[in-house]
């Protein structure tokens, strides 16, 4: 019979050890799924952290960048305030986008 470059027959039957291993892996995966229930609270907590990070981080980042620009240009506090509000608007927009909301017209 023709052999491929590894020296094995290309149409060799599947090894019994490999079949046994696949069956044991499937059983172990089923046991693991049954043992570890889905934690729905974990998803809620991560969504809460995402909201907090966006609503605090983006305006704070905008304020920080604006503060540095104000110091550089001598226009305190106007750029800092403007970028803080832009950061807040960006955070709200990002959260709406992540939640799949289309706004008031989307139904």
C-alpha atoms as a PDB file:
ATOM      1  CA  UNK A   1       0.000   0.000   0.000  1.00  0.00           C
ATOM      2  CA  UNK A   2       1.103   3.596  -0.568  1.00  0.00           C
ATOM      3  CA  UNK A   3       2.463   5.451   2.438  1.00  0.00           C
ATOM      4  CA  UNK A   4       2.502   9.212   3.012  1.00  0.00           C
ATOM      5  CA  UNK A   5       5.578  11.166   4.141  1.00  0.00           C
ATOM      6  CA  UNK A   6       5.109  10.188   7.794  1.00  0.00           C
ATOM      7  CA  UNK A   7       5.371   6.504   6.999  1.00  0.00           C
ATOM      8  CA  UNK A   8       1.768   5.768   7.955  1.00  0.00           C
ATOM      9  CA  UNK A   9      -1.051   4.562   5.791  1.00  0.00           C
ATOM     10  CA  UNK A  10      -3.302   7.527   4.922  1.00  0.00           C
ATOM     11  CA  UNK A  11      -6.528   5.555   5.423  1.00  0.00           C
ATOM     12  CA  UNK A  12      -5.608   3.750   8.647  1.00  0.00           C
ATOM     13  CA  UNK A  13      -8.518   3.078  10.996  1.00  0.00           C
ATOM     14  CA  UNK A  14      -8.823   5.261  14.069  1.00  0.00           C
ATOM     15  CA  UNK A  15      -6.845   4.001  17.039  1.00  0.00           C
ATOM     16  CA  UNK A  16      -8.969   2.514  19.832  1.00  0.00           C
ATOM     17  CA  UNK A  17      -7.041   4.542  22.418  1.00  0.00           C
ATOM     18  CA  UNK A  18      -7.959   7.782  20.622  1.00  0.00           C
ATOM     19  CA  UNK A  19     -11.627   6.801  20.497  1.00  0.00           C
ATOM     20  CA  UNK A  20     -11.552   5.948  24.187  1.00  0.00           C
ATOM     21  CA  UNK A  21      -9.891   9.281  24.964  1.00  0.00           C
ATOM     22  CA  UNK A  22     -12.526  11.229  23.024  1.00  0.00           C
ATOM     23  CA  UNK A  23     -15.306   9.418  24.873  1.00  0.00           C
ATOM     24  CA  UNK A  24     -13.691  10.141  28.253  1.00  0.00           C
ATOM     25  CA  UNK A  25     -13.258  13.817  27.314  1.00  0.00           C
ATOM     26  CA  UNK A  26     -16.930  14.111  26.343  1.00  0.00           C
ATOM     27  CA  UNK A  27     -18.002  12.545  29.630  1.00  0.00           C
ATOM     28  CA  UNK A  28     -15.683  14.825  31.599  1.00  0.00           C
ATOM     29  CA  UNK A  29     -17.045  17.909  29.801  1.00  0.00           C
ATOM     30  CA  UNK A  30     -20.617  16.845  30.583  1.00  0.00           C
ATOM     31  CA  UNK A  31     -19.751  16.314  34.240  1.00  0.00           C
ATOM     32  CA  UNK A  32     -18.038  19.723  34.377  1.00  0.00           C
ATOM     33  CA  UNK A  33     -21.036  21.501  32.855  1.00  0.00           C
ATOM     34  CA  UNK A  34     -23.384  19.778  35.302  1.00  0.00           C
ATOM     35  CA  UNK A  35     -21.093  20.516  38.254  1.00  0.00           C
ATOM     36  CA  UNK A  36     -20.568  24.202  37.510  1.00  0.00           C
ATOM     37  CA  UNK A  37     -23.882  26.078  37.153  1.00  0.00           C
ATOM     38  CA  UNK A  38     -24.061  29.270  35.136  1.00  0.00           C
ATOM     39  CA  UNK A  39     -23.609  32.321  37.372  1.00  0.00           C
ATOM     40  CA  UNK A  40     -25.985  34.952  36.036  1.00  0.00           C
ATOM     41  CA  UNK A  41     -24.944  37.406  38.749  1.00  0.00           C
ATOM     42  CA  UNK A  42     -21.423  37.444  37.317  1.00  0.00           C
ATOM     43  CA  UNK A  43     -22.707  38.892  34.044  1.00  0.00           C
ATOM     44  CA  UNK A  44     -24.700  41.510  35.917  1.00  0.00           C
ATOM     45  CA  UNK A  45     -21.667  42.504  37.971  1.00  0.00           C
ATOM     46  CA  UNK A  46     -19.477  42.820  34.894  1.00  0.00           C
ATOM     47  CA  UNK A  47     -22.128  44.972  33.205  1.00  0.00           C
ATOM     48  CA  UNK A  48     -22.233  47.169  36.306  1.00  0.00           C
ATOM     49  CA  UNK A  49     -18.474  47.583  36.260  1.00  0.00           C
ATOM     50  CA  UNK A  50     -18.612  48.493  32.575  1.00  0.00           C
ATOM     51  CA  UNK A  51     -21.163  51.228  33.295  1.00  0.00           C
ATOM     52  CA  UNK A  52     -19.115  52.559  36.214  1.00  0.00           C
ATOM     53  CA  UNK A  53     -15.894  52.560  34.234  1.00  0.00           C
ATOM     54  CA  UNK A  54     -17.473  54.389  31.309  1.00  0.00           C
ATOM     55  CA  UNK A  55     -19.383  56.978  33.327  1.00  0.00           C
ATOM     56  CA  UNK A  56     -16.394  57.752  35.568  1.00  0.00           C
ATOM     57  CA  UNK A  57     -13.397  57.092  33.330  1.00  0.00           C
ATOM     58  CA  UNK A  58     -14.362  58.904  30.151  1.00  0.00           C
ATOM     59  CA  UNK A  59     -15.332  62.230  31.796  1.00  0.00           C
ATOM     60  CA  UNK A  60     -12.293  62.006  34.107  1.00  0.00           C
ATOM     61  CA  UNK A  61     -10.029  61.368  31.136  1.00  0.00           C
ATOM     62  CA  UNK A  62     -11.576  64.264  29.243  1.00  0.00           C
ATOM     63  CA  UNK A  63     -11.143  66.539  32.241  1.00  0.00           C
ATOM     64  CA  UNK A  64      -7.500  65.492  32.661  1.00  0.00           C
ATOM     65  CA  UNK A  65      -6.656  66.114  29.011  1.00  0.00           C
ATOM     66  CA  UNK A  66      -8.571  69.404  29.121  1.00  0.00           C
ATOM     67  CA  UNK A  67      -6.778  70.447  32.303  1.00  0.00           C
ATOM     68  CA  UNK A  68      -3.405  69.839  30.658  1.00  0.00           C
ATOM     69  CA  UNK A  69      -4.473  71.767  27.554  1.00  0.00           C
ATOM     70  CA  UNK A  70      -5.780  74.600  29.753  1.00  0.00           C
ATOM     71  CA  UNK A  71      -2.427  74.822  31.514  1.00  0.00           C
ATOM     72  CA  UNK A  72      -0.632  74.835  28.183  1.00  0.00           C
ATOM     73  CA  UNK A  73      -2.904  77.433  26.551  1.00  0.00           C
ATOM     74  CA  UNK A  74      -3.834  79.463  29.642  1.00  0.00           C
ATOM     75  CA  UNK A  75      -7.590  79.067  29.134  1.00  0.00           C
ATOM     76  CA  UNK A  76      -8.509  77.472  32.480  1.00  0.00           C
ATOM     77  CA  UNK A  77     -11.128  75.961  33.110  1.00  0.00           C
ATOM     78  CA  UNK A  78     -12.965  76.052  29.775  1.00  0.00           C
ATOM     79  CA  UNK A  79     -11.286  73.283  27.799  1.00  0.00           C
ATOM     80  CA  UNK A  80     -11.330  70.978  30.833  1.00  0.00           C
ATOM     81  CA  UNK A  81     -15.057  71.520  31.336  1.00  0.00           C
ATOM     82  CA  UNK A  82     -15.823  71.105  27.642  1.00  0.00           C
ATOM     83  CA  UNK A  83     -13.851  67.859  27.344  1.00  0.00           C
ATOM     84  CA  UNK A  84     -15.408  66.544  30.548  1.00  0.00           C
ATOM     85  CA  UNK A  85     -18.887  66.975  29.044  1.00  0.00           C
ATOM     86  CA  UNK A  86     -17.710  65.484  25.749  1.00  0.00           C
ATOM     87  CA  UNK A  87     -16.370  62.499  27.730  1.00  0.00           C
ATOM     88  CA  UNK A  88     -19.714  62.097  29.500  1.00  0.00           C
ATOM     89  CA  UNK A  89     -21.602  62.239  26.198  1.00  0.00           C
ATOM     90  CA  UNK A  90     -19.171  59.701  24.730  1.00  0.00           C
ATOM     91  CA  UNK A  91     -19.700  57.397  27.716  1.00  0.00           C
ATOM     92  CA  UNK A  92     -23.480  57.530  27.363  1.00  0.00           C
ATOM     93  CA  UNK A  93     -23.221  56.922  23.616  1.00  0.00           C
ATOM     94  CA  UNK A  94     -20.845  53.994  24.147  1.00  0.00           C
ATOM     95  CA  UNK A  95     -23.157  52.420  26.732  1.00  0.00           C
ATOM     96  CA  UNK A  96     -26.171  52.816  24.452  1.00  0.00           C
ATOM     97  CA  UNK A  97     -24.219  51.226  21.615  1.00  0.00           C
ATOM     98  CA  UNK A  98     -23.129  48.294  23.796  1.00  0.00           C
ATOM     99  CA  UNK A  99     -26.666  47.725  25.063  1.00  0.00           C
ATOM    100  CA  UNK A 100     -28.070  47.690  21.530  1.00  0.00           C
ATOM    101  CA  UNK A 101     -30.376  50.649  22.097  1.00  0.00           C
ATOM    102  CA  UNK A 102     -31.330  52.777  19.128  1.00  0.00           C
ATOM    103  CA  UNK A 103     -32.608  55.629  21.241  1.00  0.00           C
ATOM    104  CA  UNK A 104     -36.192  56.928  21.425  1.00  0.00           C
ATOM    105  CA  UNK A 105     -37.069  56.116  17.810  1.00  0.00           C
ATOM    106  CA  UNK A 106     -35.905  52.468  18.031  1.00  0.00           C
ATOM    107  CA  UNK A 107     -38.642  50.048  19.063  1.00  0.00           C
END
